[in-house]
Protein backbone atom coordinates (compact mmCIF):
# COMPACT_ATOMS: atom_id res chain seq x y z
CA MET A 1 49.19 -9.41 39.98
CA ARG A 2 48.44 -5.70 40.04
CA ALA A 3 49.20 -5.65 36.31
CA ALA A 4 46.49 -7.84 35.73
CA TRP A 5 43.91 -5.98 37.47
CA VAL A 6 44.93 -2.97 35.57
CA LEU A 7 44.77 -5.04 32.17
CA LEU A 8 41.14 -5.90 33.65
CA ALA A 9 40.37 -2.82 34.58
CA GLY A 10 41.30 -1.37 30.99
CA LEU A 11 40.00 -4.46 28.98
CA THR A 12 36.42 -3.63 31.37
CA ALA A 13 36.55 0.38 30.18
CA LEU A 14 37.51 -0.45 26.01
CA GLY A 15 34.97 -2.61 26.45
CA ALA A 16 32.15 -0.11 28.00
CA TYR A 17 33.26 2.22 25.30
CA TYR A 18 32.38 -0.20 22.63
CA ILE A 19 28.87 -0.91 24.31
CA TYR A 20 28.33 1.73 25.18
CA LEU A 21 25.90 4.34 22.56
CA PRO A 22 23.89 7.61 23.20
CA LEU A 23 20.52 6.47 22.87
CA PRO A 24 17.31 8.49 23.31
CA GLY A 25 15.68 8.85 26.41
CA THR A 26 12.75 7.26 25.13
CA VAL A 27 14.05 3.89 24.20
CA SER A 28 12.81 1.01 26.05
CA ASP A 29 15.82 -1.43 26.89
CA SER A 30 18.35 0.60 26.44
CA TRP A 31 21.08 -0.99 28.36
CA LYS A 32 20.17 -4.44 26.17
CA LEU A 33 19.84 -2.67 22.87
CA MET A 34 23.11 -1.97 23.21
CA LEU A 35 24.47 -4.93 24.50
CA LEU A 36 22.62 -6.38 21.03
CA ASP A 37 24.29 -3.32 18.57
CA ALA A 38 27.78 -4.35 19.95
CA THR A 39 27.50 -7.91 19.68
CA PHE A 40 25.94 -7.40 16.09
CA ARG A 41 28.59 -4.55 15.34
CA ALA A 42 31.73 -7.11 16.63
CA VAL A 43 30.44 -9.84 14.30
CA GLN A 44 29.61 -7.46 11.03
CA GLN A 45 33.19 -6.42 11.86
CA ALA A 46 34.40 -10.09 12.30
CA CYS A 47 33.12 -11.25 8.87
CA HIS A 48 34.05 -8.08 6.61
CA LEU A 49 37.45 -9.33 7.53
CA ILE A 50 37.08 -11.89 6.11
CA HIS A 51 35.40 -10.64 2.97
CA TYR A 52 38.82 -8.57 3.09
CA LEU A 53 40.68 -11.24 3.10
CA ARG A 54 38.83 -12.79 0.01
CA LEU A 55 37.98 -16.36 2.50
CA SER A 56 34.63 -15.92 2.14
CA HIS A 57 31.23 -13.26 1.12
CA HIS A 58 30.60 -11.45 4.34
CA LEU A 59 27.05 -11.95 4.13
CA ILE A 60 27.67 -16.02 3.54
CA VAL A 61 30.05 -16.21 6.81
CA LEU A 62 26.97 -13.70 8.64
CA ASN A 63 24.12 -15.59 7.27
CA TYR A 64 26.72 -18.82 8.87
CA LEU A 65 27.00 -17.88 12.10
CA ILE A 66 23.13 -16.18 12.48
CA TYR A 67 22.00 -20.62 11.35
CA THR A 68 24.95 -21.60 13.64
CA PHE A 69 23.91 -19.69 16.38
CA ASP A 70 19.97 -20.26 16.23
CA LYS A 71 18.28 -21.96 18.96
CA LEU A 72 15.15 -23.22 17.33
CA LYS A 73 13.37 -25.43 19.25
CA SER A 74 11.36 -28.21 18.02
CA VAL A 75 7.96 -28.00 17.34
CA SER A 76 6.52 -31.09 17.85
CA SER A 77 4.45 -30.37 20.94
CA GLU A 78 2.81 -27.19 19.40
CA PRO A 79 -0.40 -27.50 17.57
CA ILE A 80 0.69 -25.65 14.86
CA ASN A 81 1.53 -27.99 11.63
CA ILE A 82 4.88 -26.83 10.01
CA THR A 83 5.77 -27.98 6.74
CA ASP A 84 8.49 -26.98 3.99
CA VAL A 85 7.12 -27.14 0.63
CA VAL A 86 7.50 -25.14 -2.59
CA PHE A 87 5.12 -23.37 -4.83
CA ASP A 88 6.29 -22.71 -7.92
CA GLY A 89 10.02 -23.10 -7.63
CA VAL A 90 10.25 -21.31 -4.02
CA GLU A 91 10.68 -22.84 -1.41
CA VAL A 92 7.88 -21.40 1.54
CA ARG A 93 7.19 -22.96 5.28
CA VAL A 94 3.42 -23.58 6.04
CA PHE A 95 1.66 -22.97 9.32
CA GLN A 96 -0.98 -24.80 9.45
CA PRO A 97 -3.48 -24.97 12.94
CA PRO A 98 -5.75 -27.79 13.26
CA ALA A 99 -8.66 -28.34 12.06
CA LYS A 100 -11.79 -27.79 13.74
CA GLN A 101 -15.37 -29.88 13.00
CA ASP A 102 -17.57 -27.74 11.17
CA GLU A 103 -15.15 -24.71 11.36
CA PRO A 104 -14.67 -22.29 7.90
CA LEU A 105 -11.85 -21.73 5.92
CA LYS A 106 -9.30 -20.35 7.94
CA ARG A 107 -7.99 -16.86 6.92
CA SER A 108 -4.31 -16.49 6.28
CA VAL A 109 -1.70 -14.53 5.94
CA VAL A 110 1.84 -14.59 2.71
CA TYR A 111 4.81 -13.25 5.14
CA ILE A 112 8.13 -11.90 4.03
CA HIS A 113 10.38 -11.84 6.41
CA GLY A 114 13.20 -9.19 6.83
CA GLY A 115 16.83 -9.28 6.87
CA GLY A 116 18.49 -6.38 4.08
CA TRP A 117 17.40 -9.24 0.76
CA ALA A 118 20.36 -10.54 2.32
CA LEU A 119 19.98 -12.44 5.43
CA ALA A 120 17.76 -14.53 7.87
CA SER A 121 14.94 -17.03 6.85
CA ALA A 122 11.85 -18.18 7.40
CA ARG A 123 13.42 -21.01 9.06
CA THR A 124 15.17 -19.52 11.60
CA SER A 125 13.80 -19.64 15.34
CA LEU A 126 12.50 -15.41 15.32
CA TYR A 127 10.59 -16.43 12.25
CA ASN A 128 9.82 -19.65 13.25
CA ASN A 129 8.53 -18.00 16.48
CA LEU A 130 6.46 -14.92 15.16
CA CYS A 131 4.65 -17.04 11.55
CA ARG A 132 3.96 -19.48 14.45
CA ILE A 133 2.12 -17.53 17.33
CA MET A 134 0.63 -15.67 14.31
CA ALA A 135 -1.36 -19.01 12.90
CA GLU A 136 -2.04 -19.38 17.05
CA SER A 137 -3.39 -16.03 17.34
CA LEU A 138 -5.64 -15.40 14.40
CA ASN A 139 -5.96 -19.06 13.46
CA ALA A 140 -4.96 -18.86 10.05
CA VAL A 141 -2.77 -20.06 7.66
CA VAL A 142 0.70 -18.52 7.71
CA VAL A 143 2.86 -18.57 4.70
CA SER A 144 6.37 -17.79 5.32
CA VAL A 145 8.16 -17.04 2.51
CA GLU A 146 11.96 -18.00 1.73
CA TYR A 147 13.41 -16.24 -1.00
CA ARG A 148 17.01 -16.33 -2.08
CA LEU A 149 19.48 -14.22 -0.75
CA VAL A 150 22.31 -11.73 -1.69
CA PRO A 151 25.13 -12.87 -2.72
CA GLU A 152 23.41 -16.16 -4.36
CA VAL A 153 21.00 -13.75 -5.88
CA CYS A 154 20.47 -10.07 -6.29
CA PHE A 155 17.44 -7.60 -7.52
CA PRO A 156 14.99 -8.32 -9.06
CA GLU A 157 15.06 -12.16 -8.11
CA GLN A 158 13.77 -11.99 -4.29
CA PHE A 159 11.21 -10.13 -5.92
CA HIS A 160 10.61 -12.56 -8.47
CA ASP A 161 10.48 -15.36 -5.57
CA ALA A 162 8.11 -13.26 -3.16
CA LEU A 163 5.84 -12.76 -6.59
CA ARG A 164 5.93 -16.33 -7.78
CA ALA A 165 5.20 -18.07 -4.06
CA THR A 166 2.45 -15.35 -3.83
CA LYS A 167 0.44 -16.03 -6.99
CA HIS A 168 0.98 -19.76 -6.73
CA PHE A 169 -0.55 -19.73 -3.26
CA LEU A 170 -3.18 -17.51 -4.75
CA GLN A 171 -4.65 -20.39 -7.07
CA PRO A 172 -7.99 -21.28 -6.20
CA ASP A 173 -7.20 -25.34 -5.82
CA VAL A 174 -4.07 -24.35 -3.73
CA LEU A 175 -6.61 -22.04 -1.53
CA ALA A 176 -8.98 -25.17 -1.43
CA GLU A 177 -5.97 -27.26 -0.11
CA TYR A 178 -4.77 -25.43 2.43
CA SER A 179 -8.94 -24.84 3.69
CA VAL A 180 -8.35 -20.89 3.05
CA ASP A 181 -10.99 -18.73 2.27
CA PRO A 182 -10.08 -16.21 -1.12
CA ASN A 183 -11.42 -13.31 0.75
CA ARG A 184 -9.37 -13.19 3.44
CA ILE A 185 -5.97 -12.80 2.82
CA ALA A 186 -2.82 -10.52 3.57
CA ILE A 187 0.03 -10.04 2.31
CA SER A 188 3.00 -8.80 4.83
CA GLY A 189 6.42 -8.31 5.72
CA ASP A 190 8.94 -6.87 7.86
CA SER A 191 11.93 -4.19 6.79
CA ALA A 192 13.20 -5.96 3.45
CA GLY A 193 10.25 -8.36 3.67
CA GLY A 194 8.23 -4.95 3.99
CA ASN A 195 9.35 -3.42 0.68
CA LEU A 196 8.89 -7.30 -1.04
CA ALA A 197 5.51 -7.69 0.32
CA ALA A 198 4.55 -3.10 -0.84
CA ALA A 199 6.15 -4.55 -4.75
CA VAL A 200 4.38 -7.58 -4.65
CA CYS A 201 0.81 -6.28 -3.78
CA GLN A 202 1.57 -3.72 -6.26
CA GLN A 203 1.97 -5.44 -9.08
CA LEU A 204 -0.73 -8.30 -7.49
CA SER A 205 -2.98 -5.31 -8.33
CA LYS A 206 -1.69 -4.25 -12.10
CA ASP A 207 -2.44 -8.21 -12.78
CA GLU A 208 -5.67 -8.21 -15.02
CA HIS A 209 -5.64 -12.10 -15.29
CA LEU A 210 -5.63 -12.28 -11.26
CA ILE A 211 -8.83 -13.75 -9.82
CA ILE A 212 -8.29 -13.72 -6.00
CA ARG A 213 -6.27 -10.67 -4.93
CA PRO A 214 -5.26 -10.08 -1.32
CA LYS A 215 -7.90 -8.51 1.28
CA LEU A 216 -5.12 -6.56 3.31
CA GLN A 217 -1.10 -5.63 3.06
CA ALA A 218 0.95 -4.95 6.73
CA LEU A 219 4.13 -3.59 6.66
CA ILE A 220 6.08 -3.34 9.34
CA TYR A 221 8.69 -0.66 9.64
CA PRO A 222 9.42 -1.05 5.63
CA VAL A 223 11.92 -0.03 4.06
CA LEU A 224 10.75 1.74 0.84
CA GLN A 225 12.85 3.64 -1.20
CA ALA A 226 16.32 4.76 -2.00
CA PHE A 227 15.90 8.04 -3.06
CA ASP A 228 16.58 10.06 -0.51
CA PHE A 229 19.25 8.89 2.30
CA ASN A 230 18.67 12.46 3.90
CA THR A 231 15.30 12.21 5.47
CA PRO A 232 14.61 13.40 9.18
CA SER A 233 14.68 10.00 10.13
CA TYR A 234 17.77 9.07 8.23
CA GLN A 235 19.29 12.49 9.84
CA GLN A 236 18.18 11.42 13.19
CA ASN A 237 18.96 8.26 13.08
CA MET A 238 22.25 7.89 11.34
CA ASN A 239 23.76 5.77 14.06
CA MET A 240 20.96 4.38 15.73
CA PRO A 241 21.07 0.52 16.73
CA VAL A 242 20.38 -1.69 14.75
CA LEU A 243 20.37 -0.50 11.49
CA PRO A 244 21.73 2.67 10.96
CA ARG A 245 22.25 4.60 8.09
CA TYR A 246 25.69 3.36 6.30
CA VAL A 247 24.46 -0.06 7.11
CA MET A 248 21.25 0.15 4.94
CA ILE A 249 23.35 2.02 1.89
CA ASN A 250 25.23 -1.50 1.98
CA TYR A 251 22.26 -3.64 2.01
CA TRP A 252 20.86 -1.45 -0.66
CA ILE A 253 23.83 -1.70 -2.94
CA ASP A 254 24.32 -5.36 -2.17
CA TYR A 255 20.88 -5.41 -3.30
CA PHE A 256 21.52 -4.10 -6.46
CA ASN A 257 24.45 -5.82 -6.94
CA GLY A 258 26.32 -2.46 -6.82
CA ASN A 259 30.37 -1.16 -6.08
CA TYR A 260 30.45 -0.08 -2.51
CA ASP A 261 32.72 3.01 -4.02
CA LEU A 262 29.51 4.50 -4.32
CA ALA A 263 28.13 4.37 -0.99
CA HIS A 264 29.38 8.43 -0.34
CA SER A 265 27.57 9.60 -3.36
CA LEU A 266 24.80 7.51 -2.58
CA LEU A 267 24.47 8.94 1.00
CA ILE A 268 24.94 12.76 0.00
CA ASN A 269 21.82 11.95 -2.76
CA ASN A 270 23.96 12.68 -5.83
CA HIS A 271 22.16 9.90 -7.29
CA THR A 272 19.10 12.37 -7.28
CA ALA A 273 20.56 15.46 -7.43
CA LEU A 274 18.33 18.27 -9.25
CA ASP A 275 20.89 17.64 -13.19
CA VAL A 276 20.08 14.20 -12.86
CA HIS A 277 17.47 13.55 -15.68
CA GLN A 278 16.29 10.53 -14.60
CA ALA A 279 14.92 11.51 -10.89
CA LEU A 280 13.29 14.12 -12.02
CA THR A 281 10.18 12.44 -12.63
CA PHE A 282 10.23 10.56 -9.32
CA ARG A 283 11.06 13.80 -7.20
CA GLY A 284 7.52 15.38 -6.58
CA ARG A 285 6.28 11.58 -5.06
CA LEU A 286 8.96 11.72 -2.70
CA ASN A 287 8.70 15.08 -1.24
CA TRP A 288 9.24 14.85 2.39
CA THR A 289 8.61 18.80 3.33
CA SER A 290 4.87 17.88 1.93
CA LEU A 291 4.33 14.16 2.91
CA LEU A 292 5.47 14.26 6.82
CA PRO A 293 3.51 15.88 9.65
CA SER A 294 5.53 19.03 11.59
CA SER A 295 5.70 16.43 14.56
CA PHE A 296 9.04 14.15 12.35
CA LYS A 297 10.30 17.09 10.09
CA LYS A 298 11.18 18.54 13.23
CA ASN A 299 13.90 21.31 12.22
CA TYR A 300 15.56 18.72 9.50
CA LYS A 301 16.16 20.83 5.94
CA PRO A 302 16.18 18.54 2.54
CA VAL A 303 19.49 17.56 1.15
CA VAL A 304 19.15 18.31 -2.30
CA GLN A 305 22.31 18.58 -4.58
CA THR A 306 22.05 20.84 -7.58
CA THR A 307 24.79 18.74 -9.47
CA GLY A 308 25.59 15.28 -8.69
CA ASN A 309 26.51 12.09 -10.81
CA ALA A 310 24.03 10.52 -13.19
CA ASP A 311 26.14 7.65 -14.06
CA ILE A 312 24.90 6.24 -11.03
CA ILE A 313 21.63 5.84 -12.64
CA GLN A 314 22.94 4.81 -15.44
CA GLU A 315 25.59 1.68 -13.39
CA ILE A 316 22.05 1.56 -10.89
CA PRO A 317 19.11 1.56 -12.69
CA ALA A 318 17.45 -0.32 -10.17
CA LEU A 319 17.42 2.73 -7.52
CA LEU A 320 14.55 4.57 -9.60
CA ASP A 321 12.95 0.72 -10.53
CA VAL A 322 9.34 1.11 -8.53
CA ARG A 323 9.51 -2.61 -8.12
CA ALA A 324 12.65 -2.48 -5.82
CA VAL A 325 11.65 1.10 -4.70
CA PRO A 326 7.35 0.58 -4.25
CA LEU A 327 7.58 4.32 -2.43
CA LEU A 328 8.11 5.56 -6.05
CA ALA A 329 5.17 4.24 -7.51
CA GLU A 330 2.77 6.08 -9.81
CA ASN A 331 -0.66 7.07 -8.59
CA GLU A 332 -2.94 4.71 -10.76
CA THR A 333 -1.27 2.17 -8.61
CA LEU A 334 -1.33 3.59 -5.51
CA GLN A 335 -5.12 3.27 -6.05
CA LEU A 336 -5.42 -0.17 -6.21
CA GLN A 337 -3.82 -1.05 -3.34
CA PRO A 338 -5.60 -2.93 -0.46
CA LYS A 339 -6.43 -1.81 2.86
CA THR A 340 -2.94 -0.96 4.70
CA TYR A 341 -1.79 -1.30 8.09
CA ILE A 342 2.17 0.29 8.38
CA LEU A 343 4.15 0.34 11.81
CA THR A 344 6.70 2.45 11.88
CA CYS A 345 9.37 3.18 14.46
CA GLU A 346 10.74 6.56 15.94
CA ASN A 347 14.55 5.56 16.28
CA ASP A 348 14.66 3.86 12.97
CA VAL A 349 16.42 5.47 10.00
CA LEU A 350 13.55 3.60 8.06
CA ARG A 351 10.91 5.49 10.28
CA ASP A 352 9.73 8.24 6.98
CA ASP A 353 9.83 5.67 4.59
CA GLY A 354 6.76 4.02 5.99
CA VAL A 355 5.03 7.62 6.84
CA MET A 356 5.13 8.77 3.27
CA TYR A 357 3.77 5.16 2.07
CA ALA A 358 1.20 5.98 4.25
CA LYS A 359 0.71 9.46 3.67
CA ARG A 360 0.26 8.60 0.03
CA LEU A 361 -1.94 5.64 0.02
CA GLU A 362 -4.01 8.11 1.58
CA ASN A 363 -3.79 10.43 -1.06
CA ALA A 364 -4.31 7.97 -3.28
CA GLY A 365 -8.23 7.22 -1.20
CA VAL A 366 -6.79 3.86 0.36
CA GLU A 367 -7.57 3.10 3.71
CA VAL A 368 -4.14 3.12 6.01
CA THR A 369 -3.71 2.47 9.70
CA LEU A 370 -0.45 4.24 10.62
CA ASP A 371 0.81 2.63 14.12
CA HIS A 372 3.43 4.20 15.17
CA PHE A 373 5.96 3.32 18.45
CA ASP A 374 8.04 5.99 19.59
CA ASP A 375 9.97 4.13 21.86
CA CYS A 376 10.62 1.53 20.08
CA PHE A 377 13.40 0.74 17.28
CA HIS A 378 14.03 -0.99 14.21
CA GLY A 379 14.01 -4.65 14.07
CA CYS A 380 12.13 -5.04 17.18
CA MET A 381 9.00 -7.10 16.74
CA ILE A 382 10.99 -10.49 15.96
CA PHE A 383 13.10 -9.78 19.10
CA THR A 384 10.85 -11.50 21.41
CA ILE A 385 12.88 -14.39 22.40
CA TRP A 386 15.75 -15.27 25.50
CA PRO A 387 18.29 -13.78 24.97
CA THR A 388 16.96 -10.90 22.71
CA ASP A 389 13.71 -10.16 24.26
CA PHE A 390 12.39 -6.75 23.91
CA SER A 391 9.77 -5.23 25.40
CA ALA A 392 9.08 -3.46 22.33
CA GLY A 393 9.30 -6.85 20.43
CA ILE A 394 6.05 -7.90 22.23
CA GLN A 395 4.43 -4.81 22.42
CA THR A 396 4.73 -3.67 18.35
CA ARG A 397 3.86 -8.01 17.68
CA ASN A 398 0.61 -7.53 19.84
CA SER A 399 -0.74 -4.70 18.16
CA TYR A 400 0.44 -5.80 14.78
CA ILE A 401 -1.75 -9.36 15.13
CA LYS A 402 -4.13 -7.32 16.65
CA TRP A 403 -5.04 -5.25 13.86
CA LEU A 404 -5.05 -8.09 12.02
CA ASP A 405 -6.80 -10.11 14.23
CA GLU A 406 -9.88 -6.94 13.85
CA ASN A 407 -9.03 -6.43 10.15
CA LEU A 408 -8.52 -9.74 8.14
């Protein structure tokens, strides 16, 4: 009996050691976040073991587990009509509030979900719930894009899916079918979806044949560059839940169908060293020492290698492709962007991506709202459903919807 108690105490101590992470005192719901992160790490490690044993790709297994444990409730009692349709070969889920007599045309949001270009779905409860609440709160038609995922496809196919679905929806006859006001459409997305939303907006702005253009773009903690993995937020939050730096680098490698052996070289910025001539053109567009305010720079120093590895860019040219890294777009493109909302979180490696993009857009003459949250973390806006319900999720979601309501 005594041995059992000793074993139990030992297992409890090991569990506590695995779960506990030193987090900043400003992080809301810190213990719940530690539990969520520990769950993510345990599941990811199990999936990587399956991958290592060559039983299946770890992302396929991870998505299978997400769908298996997802608790999507029936929405039949809700006043929102939800339909799954296909826009130019791309699956989308459309959320339509009930029509009202003598009501004018509705506004609309094209939403692109996050998940590292590899995980989640417009059909999972987290995104289904978010888009349903958006449709209800805004009395708007919400189109949630179900783009194909890694490893089924890699860049640029996710971008092409998001672009095709959006351009199809922007056709006058399609907008008329859904009773949408062509002058009140926003493009939005979170994390990797924010990346796709920004890239789609840039591409639409350069399309001379497009009749209808989005009024707004709204980017939620977007991932916008793979040029510098040592910005202050990458250094400050390198081990932060839910997205530590090494995980974000692996997402990029998966998106580009690259080799994991390159991860360390990317981490120390070997791919954009001073002797990598392909990167020289873009260096001035991502100089965080001039784009970030001092409150974000703190005492961090740039990591710029004198000698690097130009072969990385040869192997993965998409690292400098603006369709994948919208923060590197030229000023002429940025000047064409619509009124913009960018939400960032202090405890997020991607914080500076959003802040720098806001500054570059502002410098280009675009009206920008930067909505920064000191106590929030990456991914928090979708975590509003038990058991992953966070006050940070409600806080950020309400602020995001409020901005859309006032500007769309």
